[in-house]
């Protein structure tokens, strides 16, 4: 089973999904991410799904579950890079991803976290430009 890497950048955890998601890999991601939030004290989580071409109802629900779990651990989640086909599929499946913040790309996700006062890292990255 492939695992999804979780990178720590300041007070943000970046999850860039570059593999075909299977049910087991999503469940492992959920557990790994919860542990990393606790051990690092991260305040924000960005899940980059730019490379994800297909989702099913299970994976869609898991995005919402991961966001809820992160909120309980005091970290806000933003899903970035959603392709139009993925958005259409989620709507057709009747999944609203309630409580999941979205942004078109990583840069906008960082700005969103910064605007909500979640991350000093997002502000620092923006100030570098």
Foldseek 3Di string as FASTA:
>chain_A
DDEFDWDDQALEIETEDQDADDLVNLVVNLVVVLVCCVVRVRQEYEYECQNYDDDDPSSLVSLLVSQVSVVVSNHHYEYENDDPNHVVRCVVVVHPSPRHHYDHHPLVVLVVCVVVVRDPSSVVVVVVD
